[in-house]
Each structure stands twice: as C-alpha cells, then as structure tokens.
C-alpha atoms as a PDB file:
ATOM      1  CA  ILE A   1       0.088   0.092  -0.090  1.00  0.00           C
ATOM      2  CA  ALA A   2       2.962   2.573   0.831  1.00  0.00           C
ATOM      3  CA  ALA A   3       4.606   1.657  -2.201  1.00  0.00           C
ATOM      4  CA  ARG A   4       1.206   2.132  -4.671  1.00  0.00           C
ATOM      5  CA  ILE A   5       0.870   5.292  -2.640  1.00  0.00           C
ATOM      6  CA  LYS A   6       4.193   6.757  -3.419  1.00  0.00           C
ATOM      7  CA  ALA A   7       3.525   6.123  -7.331  1.00  0.00           C
ATOM      8  CA  ASP A   8       0.708   7.607  -7.269  1.00  0.00           C
ATOM      9  CA  MET A   9       2.084  10.601  -5.928  1.00  0.00           C
ATOM     10  CA  LEU A  10       4.742  10.434  -8.700  1.00  0.00           C
ATOM     11  CA  LYS A  11       1.954  10.247 -11.185  1.00  0.00           C
ATOM     12  CA  ASN A  12      -0.682  12.710  -9.666  1.00  0.00           C
ATOM     13  CA  PHE A  13       2.165  15.611  -8.626  1.00  0.00           C
ATOM     14  CA  ASN A  14       5.747  16.819  -9.429  1.00  0.00           C
ATOM     15  CA  LEU A  15       7.992  15.467  -6.690  1.00  0.00           C
ATOM     16  CA  HIS A  16      11.238  17.088  -8.124  1.00  0.00           C
ATOM     17  CA  THR A  17      13.248  16.751  -5.463  1.00  0.00           C
ATOM     18  CA  VAL A  18      14.006  14.926  -2.272  1.00  0.00           C
ATOM     19  CA  VAL A  19      16.352  16.057   0.367  1.00  0.00           C
ATOM     20  CA  ARG A  20      17.903  13.405   2.146  1.00  0.00           C
ATOM     21  CA  LEU A  21      19.069  14.831   5.812  1.00  0.00           C
ATOM     22  CA  PRO A  22      22.166  12.695   7.609  1.00  0.00           C
ATOM     23  CA  GLU A  23      20.790  11.019  10.734  1.00  0.00           C
ATOM     24  CA  GLY A  24      20.303  12.319  14.044  1.00  0.00           C
ATOM     25  CA  VAL A  25      19.137  15.530  12.546  1.00  0.00           C
ATOM     26  CA  PHE A  26      16.225  14.998  14.451  1.00  0.00           C
ATOM     27  CA  ALA A  27      17.382  13.388  17.775  1.00  0.00           C
ATOM     28  CA  PRO A  28      16.290  12.335  20.233  1.00  0.00           C
ATOM     29  CA  TYR A  29      13.105  11.435  18.647  1.00  0.00           C
ATOM     30  CA  THR A  30      14.451   9.583  15.873  1.00  0.00           C
ATOM     31  CA  ASP A  31      18.252   8.796  14.646  1.00  0.00           C
ATOM     32  CA  ILE A  32      17.656   7.174  11.290  1.00  0.00           C
ATOM     33  CA  PRO A  33      18.679   9.432   8.372  1.00  0.00           C
ATOM     34  CA  THR A  34      15.335  11.921   7.021  1.00  0.00           C
ATOM     35  CA  ASN A  35      14.589  13.113   3.329  1.00  0.00           C
ATOM     36  CA  ILE A  36      12.333  15.815   2.779  1.00  0.00           C
ATOM     37  CA  ILE A  37      10.631  15.790  -0.044  1.00  0.00           C
ATOM     38  CA  PHE A  38       9.462  18.963  -2.662  1.00  0.00           C
ATOM     39  CA  PHE A  39       7.102  17.957  -4.835  1.00  0.00           C
ATOM     40  CA  ASP A  40       4.206  20.639  -6.631  1.00  0.00           C
ATOM     41  CA  THR A  41       1.093  20.092  -8.888  1.00  0.00           C
ATOM     42  CA  THR A  42       1.847  21.364 -11.995  1.00  0.00           C
ATOM     43  CA  LYS A  43       2.287  18.255 -14.144  1.00  0.00           C
ATOM     44  CA  ALA A  44       3.484  14.589 -13.272  1.00  0.00           C
ATOM     45  CA  THR A  45       6.762  13.313 -12.035  1.00  0.00           C
ATOM     46  CA  GLU A  46       9.553  12.713 -14.653  1.00  0.00           C
ATOM     47  CA  ASP A  47      12.584  13.802 -13.445  1.00  0.00           C
ATOM     48  CA  ILE A  48      13.581  13.797  -9.604  1.00  0.00           C
ATOM     49  CA  TRP A  49      16.408  14.555  -7.808  1.00  0.00           C
ATOM     50  CA  PHE A  50      18.402  13.488  -5.141  1.00  0.00           C
ATOM     51  CA  TYR A  51      20.119  15.699  -2.700  1.00  0.00           C
ATOM     52  CA  GLU A  52      22.326  14.253   0.598  1.00  0.00           C
ATOM     53  CA  GLN A  53      23.304  16.961   2.645  1.00  0.00           C
ATOM     54  CA  PRO A  54      26.748  15.947   4.231  1.00  0.00           C
ATOM     55  CA  LYS A  55      28.487  16.518   7.467  1.00  0.00           C
ATOM     56  CA  PRO A  56      30.880  18.678   7.971  1.00  0.00           C
ATOM     57  CA  GLU A  57      34.217  17.690   8.634  1.00  0.00           C
ATOM     58  CA  GLY A  58      35.003  16.517  11.800  1.00  0.00           C
ATOM     59  CA  ARG A  59      31.107  16.333  13.268  1.00  0.00           C
ATOM     60  CA  LYS A  60      29.973  12.743  14.580  1.00  0.00           C
ATOM     61  CA  LYS A  61      26.159  13.504  14.652  1.00  0.00           C
ATOM     62  CA  TYR A  62      23.576  15.644  15.127  1.00  0.00           C
ATOM     63  CA  SER A  63      21.572  16.126  19.106  1.00  0.00           C
ATOM     64  CA  LYS A  64      19.605  18.046  20.541  1.00  0.00           C
ATOM     65  CA  THR A  65      21.778  19.944  21.190  1.00  0.00           C
ATOM     66  CA  ALA A  66      24.528  20.423  18.535  1.00  0.00           C
ATOM     67  CA  PRO A  67      21.670  20.614  15.661  1.00  0.00           C
ATOM     68  CA  LEU A  68      22.041  21.248  11.971  1.00  0.00           C
ATOM     69  CA  THR A  69      22.413  25.127  10.879  1.00  0.00           C
ATOM     70  CA  MET A  70      21.562  26.929   8.424  1.00  0.00           C
ATOM     71  CA  ASP A  71      25.134  27.540   8.059  1.00  0.00           C
ATOM     72  CA  GLU A  72      25.467  23.573   7.020  1.00  0.00           C
ATOM     73  CA  LEU A  73      22.702  24.033   4.392  1.00  0.00           C
ATOM     74  CA  ALA A  74      24.395  26.517   2.411  1.00  0.00           C
ATOM     75  CA  PRO A  75      25.250  24.218  -0.399  1.00  0.00           C
ATOM     76  CA  CYS A  76      22.465  23.056  -0.739  1.00  0.00           C
ATOM     77  CA  LEU A  77      20.598  26.503  -1.253  1.00  0.00           C
ATOM     78  CA  SER A  78      23.221  27.587  -3.868  1.00  0.00           C
ATOM     79  CA  TRP A  79      22.729  24.235  -5.694  1.00  0.00           C
ATOM     80  CA  TRP A  80      18.930  24.866  -5.688  1.00  0.00           C
ATOM     81  CA  ASN A  81      18.867  27.243  -8.219  1.00  0.00           C
ATOM     82  CA  THR A  82      21.325  25.700 -10.563  1.00  0.00           C
ATOM     83  CA  ARG A  83      20.822  21.468 -10.297  1.00  0.00           C
ATOM     84  CA  GLU A  84      24.183  20.635 -11.604  1.00  0.00           C
ATOM     85  CA  GLU A  85      24.803  16.368 -10.643  1.00  0.00           C
ATOM     86  CA  ASN A  86      27.503  16.603  -8.115  1.00  0.00           C
ATOM     87  CA  GLU A  87      29.295  14.238  -5.226  1.00  0.00           C
ATOM     88  CA  HIS A  88      25.937  15.299  -3.136  1.00  0.00           C
ATOM     89  CA  ALA A  89      23.239  15.967  -5.609  1.00  0.00           C
ATOM     90  CA  TRP A  90      22.186  12.876  -8.647  1.00  0.00           C
ATOM     91  CA  LYS A  91      18.924  12.929 -10.828  1.00  0.00           C
ATOM     92  CA  VAL A  92      16.727   9.428 -11.660  1.00  0.00           C
ATOM     93  CA  HIS A  93      13.319   9.373 -13.472  1.00  0.00           C
ATOM     94  CA  SER A  94      10.575   8.837 -12.173  1.00  0.00           C
ATOM     95  CA  SER A  95       9.953   5.543 -14.366  1.00  0.00           C
ATOM     96  CA  GLU A  96      13.665   3.936 -12.401  1.00  0.00           C
ATOM     97  CA  ILE A  97      11.958   4.488  -9.284  1.00  0.00           C
ATOM     98  CA  VAL A  98       8.833   2.314  -9.872  1.00  0.00           C
ATOM     99  CA  LYS A  99       8.176  -1.682 -10.346  1.00  0.00           C
ATOM    100  CA  GLU A 100       5.503  -3.578 -11.050  1.00  0.00           C
ATOM    101  CA  ASP A 101       4.522  -6.948 -11.644  1.00  0.00           C
ATOM    102  CA  GLU A 102       3.387  -8.105 -14.744  1.00  0.00           C
ATOM    103  CA  VAL A 103       0.058  -7.517 -14.542  1.00  0.00           C
ATOM    104  CA  GLY A 104       0.948  -3.673 -14.183  1.00  0.00           C
ATOM    105  CA  ARG A 105       0.471  -3.541 -10.393  1.00  0.00           C
ATOM    106  CA  VAL A 106       2.502  -1.385  -8.317  1.00  0.00           C
ATOM    107  CA  ILE A 107       5.359  -3.729  -5.954  1.00  0.00           C
ATOM    108  CA  GLU A 108       7.690  -0.920  -5.092  1.00  0.00           C
ATOM    109  CA  CYS A 109       8.759   2.291  -5.683  1.00  0.00           C
ATOM    110  CA  ASN A 110      11.374   3.255  -2.967  1.00  0.00           C
ATOM    111  CA  LEU A 111      12.785   7.201  -2.625  1.00  0.00           C
ATOM    112  CA  ASP A 112      14.789   6.508  -0.413  1.00  0.00           C
ATOM    113  CA  LEU A 113      18.178   5.738  -2.988  1.00  0.00           C
ATOM    114  CA  LYS A 114      21.553   5.492  -2.088  1.00  0.00           C
ATOM    115  CA  ASN A 115      23.995   8.321  -3.852  1.00  0.00           C
ATOM    116  CA  PRO A 116      25.718   6.215  -6.484  1.00  0.00           C
ATOM    117  CA  ASN A 117      28.328   8.835  -6.031  1.00  0.00           C
ATOM    118  CA  SER A 118      29.316   7.924  -2.959  1.00  0.00           C
ATOM    119  CA  SER A 119      31.975   5.974  -1.975  1.00  0.00           C
ATOM    120  CA  GLY A 120      30.633   4.347   0.909  1.00  0.00           C
ATOM    121  CA  VAL A 121      32.155   4.123   3.920  1.00  0.00           C
ATOM    122  CA  VAL A 122      35.597   6.193   5.547  1.00  0.00           C
ATOM    123  CA  ASP A 123      37.789   3.312   7.336  1.00  0.00           C
ATOM    124  CA  HIS A 124      39.970   6.566   8.892  1.00  0.00           C
ATOM    125  CA  ARG A 125      41.910   3.811  10.355  1.00  0.00           C
ATOM    126  CA  THR A 126      45.722   3.025   9.453  1.00  0.00           C
ATOM    127  CA  PRO A 127      46.417   0.157   6.802  1.00  0.00           C
ATOM    128  CA  ILE A 128      48.094  -1.467   9.889  1.00  0.00           C
ATOM    129  CA  LYS A 129      45.612  -1.203  12.046  1.00  0.00           C
ATOM    130  CA  ILE A 130      43.233  -2.457   9.652  1.00  0.00           C
ATOM    131  CA  VAL A 131      44.789  -5.132   8.627  1.00  0.00           C
ATOM    132  CA  GLU A 132      44.962  -6.121  13.040  1.00  0.00           C
ATOM    133  CA  SER A 133      41.713  -6.172  13.217  1.00  0.00           C
ATOM    134  CA  ILE A 134      40.999  -8.413  10.015  1.00  0.00           C
ATOM    135  CA  GLU A 135      43.909 -10.505  11.756  1.00  0.00           C
ATOM    136  CA  ALA A 136      42.134 -10.654  15.278  1.00  0.00           C
ATOM    137  CA  LYS A 137      38.425 -11.297  13.850  1.00  0.00           C
ATOM    138  CA  GLU A 138      40.083 -14.429  11.883  1.00  0.00           C
ATOM    139  CA  GLN A 139      41.082 -15.297  15.309  1.00  0.00           C
ATOM    140  CA  ARG A 140      38.128 -14.869  16.586  1.00  0.00           C
ATOM    141  CA  VAL A 141      37.087 -17.564  13.975  1.00  0.00           C
ATOM    142  CA  LEU A 142      39.275 -19.935  14.579  1.00  0.00           C
ATOM    143  CA  SER A 143      38.067 -20.246  17.572  1.00  0.00           C
ATOM    144  CA  ILE A 144      35.027 -20.989  17.356  1.00  0.00           C
ATOM    145  CA  LEU A 145      35.585 -23.306  14.517  1.00  0.00           C
ATOM    146  CA  GLU A 146      37.515 -25.118  17.104  1.00  0.00           C
ATOM    147  CA  GLY A 147      34.798 -24.857  19.751  1.00  0.00           C
ATOM    148  CA  VAL A 148      32.499 -26.570  16.885  1.00  0.00           C
ATOM    149  CA  LYS A 149      35.120 -29.480  16.022  1.00  0.00           C
ATOM    150  CA  ARG A 150      35.665 -30.292  19.670  1.00  0.00           C
ATOM    151  CA  THR A 151      31.425 -30.718  20.253  1.00  0.00           C
ATOM    152  CA  LEU A 152      30.836 -32.510  16.818  1.00  0.00           C
ATOM    153  CA  SER A 153      33.538 -34.674  17.975  1.00  0.00           C
ATOM    154  CA  GLU A 154      32.712 -35.591  21.214  1.00  0.00           C
ATOM    155  CA  LEU A 155      28.861 -36.482  20.139  1.00  0.00           C
ATOM    156  CA  SER A 156      30.287 -38.819  17.172  1.00  0.00           C
END
C-alpha cells in the first residue's frame, strides 16, 4: 500500500526534489536519516533530483544540543537553483523508482535511494590497524570453529 501511495504521488504530482538529511538531525526523537520531499501540482513526475546533505568535516552526529545549522545547508541552497550533478546531487527518472509486476500492479516505489556518487564507508584507521583488526576477527572465527569441531567430535 505504501508503494502504491508513493507511485500515485509520482503520477499525480511533480515530485522534483528529495533532500536527504543525515542521521540524528531529529535526535533525540529519531536517529534515522530523514528525507524531505518537495513537490508541486504542475505535472506528473519525470525526473527527481536527490541531494544528500553531507555532515561537516569532524562532525560525528547531530543532537538536540548540536543541531543542523543554516550555515551547513548553504551548499544545498546554492545547488538548488543550478541543479547540476555532483558528489552530493544526482537525478533519477521516475520510471527507475516504480517497479510493477507482470499485470501492472505497483510492487515497489523506493524514494530512499543511496547516493551513486558516494564512495561508501570511509575507514580512517591506518592500514596496519585494519590488518590487525582482520587478524583478530580471523582468530575469533578459528576459535569458534575449533569449539564446533570439539563438540562434533564429542558427539561422534
């Protein structure tokens, strides 16, 4: 039902922009990332612009006492009128959002798209620390497997 409602919105309104806010912007009420949708009644949706609001350098999370500021939104506001793809902004055609089954019923309508320009999770550890972490996890796995082997041999 939620997918059909979103698909109807795309068909009946022009959903032109989705601004993705970082997690914690509405803390303590919720820590999940939030999407703000902008639409008008001029036409059906063709293209949807997504803008992912980045966290400032050094900022780990937002909170009630450390909220999102207007200064942090300045890049989004300057992008708003130019609408060019960059590391924080991308455009998707509405046909890529709505998935239908073989008889034309809406089965999915996902507006929570990940940034295709994002490099993913950044690991700031040194290479040696990463290798040490991998080794420690491997040792843990081997220890668990030894325990499983011991249990299985006791059952035989």
